[in-house]
């Protein structure tokens, strides 16, 4: 693996989807770590997350969109204002988030947590 930032960005951008899915994981909160005995999980729509870095640090919200192509996540009520005055959801990298509450509607996800 190269140390050059440009090559690292290129590798991340051109990665296949199954590798990008691994990049979409975020650490669990301390309560969830103890409960499920896991350190991190992939983020999905419906999860409740807390922002750990940036000017929106400390805000929590529900995940509204997960974009594998750009490896970003959009959270409800976390927006930025465009120059024309309209507000759009702010894309956030998963490494800057912490999962506070997991959505457990998916049977396979529950099985993965119980392993």
Protein backbone atom coordinates (compact mmCIF):
# COMPACT_ATOMS: atom_id res chain seq x y z
CA UNK A 1 0.00 0.00 0.00
CA UNK A 2 1.32 3.38 -0.97
CA UNK A 3 1.93 6.24 1.44
CA UNK A 4 1.03 8.87 -1.13
CA UNK A 5 -2.30 10.51 -0.27
CA UNK A 6 -3.27 10.78 -3.94
CA UNK A 7 -2.87 7.03 -4.42
CA UNK A 8 -4.79 6.31 -1.22
CA UNK A 9 -7.69 8.53 -2.40
CA UNK A 10 -7.62 6.84 -5.82
CA UNK A 11 -7.70 3.37 -4.24
CA UNK A 12 -10.65 4.33 -2.04
CA UNK A 13 -12.57 5.94 -4.92
CA UNK A 14 -12.03 3.01 -7.32
CA UNK A 15 -12.62 0.22 -4.78
CA UNK A 16 -15.24 -2.42 -5.58
CA UNK A 17 -18.57 -2.21 -3.75
CA UNK A 18 -17.83 -5.11 -1.41
CA UNK A 19 -14.77 -3.22 -0.13
CA UNK A 20 -16.68 0.06 0.11
CA UNK A 21 -19.25 -1.70 2.30
CA UNK A 22 -16.45 -2.42 4.80
CA UNK A 23 -15.50 1.27 4.72
CA UNK A 24 -19.07 2.20 5.75
CA UNK A 25 -18.58 0.79 9.27
CA UNK A 26 -18.57 3.04 12.33
CA UNK A 27 -17.77 2.36 15.98
CA UNK A 28 -20.56 1.45 18.37
CA UNK A 29 -21.31 3.41 21.54
CA UNK A 30 -20.00 2.01 24.82
CA UNK A 31 -23.43 0.62 25.78
CA UNK A 32 -23.83 -1.21 22.48
CA UNK A 33 -20.25 -2.54 22.66
CA UNK A 34 -20.95 -4.19 26.00
CA UNK A 35 -24.37 -5.46 24.94
CA UNK A 36 -23.36 -7.00 21.59
CA UNK A 37 -19.64 -7.60 22.20
CA UNK A 38 -18.78 -5.91 18.88
CA UNK A 39 -16.63 -2.83 18.30
CA UNK A 40 -18.05 -1.59 14.98
CA UNK A 41 -20.86 -2.29 12.54
CA UNK A 42 -21.77 -1.08 9.03
CA UNK A 43 -24.13 1.89 9.13
CA UNK A 44 -27.60 1.41 7.64
CA UNK A 45 -30.60 3.61 7.06
CA UNK A 46 -32.61 3.97 10.24
CA UNK A 47 -29.64 3.78 12.64
CA UNK A 48 -29.28 6.60 15.14
CA UNK A 49 -25.79 8.12 15.05
CA UNK A 50 -23.82 10.82 16.85
CA UNK A 51 -21.41 13.11 15.01
CA UNK A 52 -17.94 12.97 16.59
CA UNK A 53 -15.96 15.43 14.44
CA UNK A 54 -16.48 18.77 12.73
CA UNK A 55 -18.66 21.79 13.40
CA UNK A 56 -21.74 19.58 13.90
CA UNK A 57 -20.00 17.63 16.69
CA UNK A 58 -22.35 16.31 19.35
CA UNK A 59 -25.49 16.28 17.21
CA UNK A 60 -27.44 13.05 16.95
CA UNK A 61 -29.90 12.00 14.30
CA UNK A 62 -31.36 9.21 12.26
CA UNK A 63 -29.54 8.07 9.10
CA UNK A 64 -31.65 8.99 6.08
CA UNK A 65 -29.33 7.96 3.24
CA UNK A 66 -26.24 5.77 2.81
CA UNK A 67 -24.25 6.38 -0.39
CA UNK A 68 -21.75 3.62 -1.18
CA UNK A 69 -20.38 5.35 -4.28
CA UNK A 70 -19.11 8.40 -2.43
CA UNK A 71 -18.76 6.62 0.96
CA UNK A 72 -20.92 9.22 2.72
CA UNK A 73 -23.94 9.25 5.00
CA UNK A 74 -26.73 11.79 5.25
CA UNK A 75 -28.49 12.40 8.56
CA UNK A 76 -31.92 13.93 9.14
CA UNK A 77 -31.80 17.53 10.43
CA UNK A 78 -28.07 17.91 9.61
CA UNK A 79 -28.06 20.32 6.68
CA UNK A 80 -25.96 23.02 5.09
CA UNK A 81 -27.28 26.17 3.49
CA UNK A 82 -26.53 26.75 -0.17
CA UNK A 83 -25.79 30.18 -1.57
CA UNK A 84 -29.34 30.49 -2.92
CA UNK A 85 -30.75 29.99 0.60
CA UNK A 86 -31.99 26.42 0.21
CA UNK A 87 -30.87 23.72 2.62
CA UNK A 88 -29.52 20.33 1.55
CA UNK A 89 -28.46 17.31 3.65
CA UNK A 90 -24.80 17.41 4.58
CA UNK A 91 -22.76 14.35 3.56
CA UNK A 92 -20.64 12.97 6.41
CA UNK A 93 -17.92 10.32 6.33
CA UNK A 94 -18.67 7.23 8.48
CA UNK A 95 -15.35 7.53 10.33
CA UNK A 96 -16.68 10.74 11.90
CA UNK A 97 -19.75 9.03 13.36
CA UNK A 98 -20.61 6.79 16.29
CA UNK A 99 -23.63 4.47 16.25
CA UNK A 100 -25.86 5.19 19.26
CA UNK A 101 -28.86 2.97 18.40
CA UNK A 102 -29.06 0.09 15.90
CA UNK A 103 -32.02 -0.67 13.70
CA UNK A 104 -32.83 -4.34 14.29
CA UNK A 105 -35.63 -4.94 11.76
CA UNK A 106 -33.32 -6.96 9.52
CA UNK A 107 -33.13 -10.63 10.56
CA UNK A 108 -29.63 -11.12 9.09
CA UNK A 109 -28.28 -8.13 10.98
CA UNK A 110 -29.66 -9.48 14.26
CA UNK A 111 -28.02 -12.86 13.52
CA UNK A 112 -24.72 -11.11 12.88
CA UNK A 113 -24.97 -9.28 16.22
CA UNK A 114 -25.67 -12.54 18.08
CA UNK A 115 -22.66 -14.38 16.62
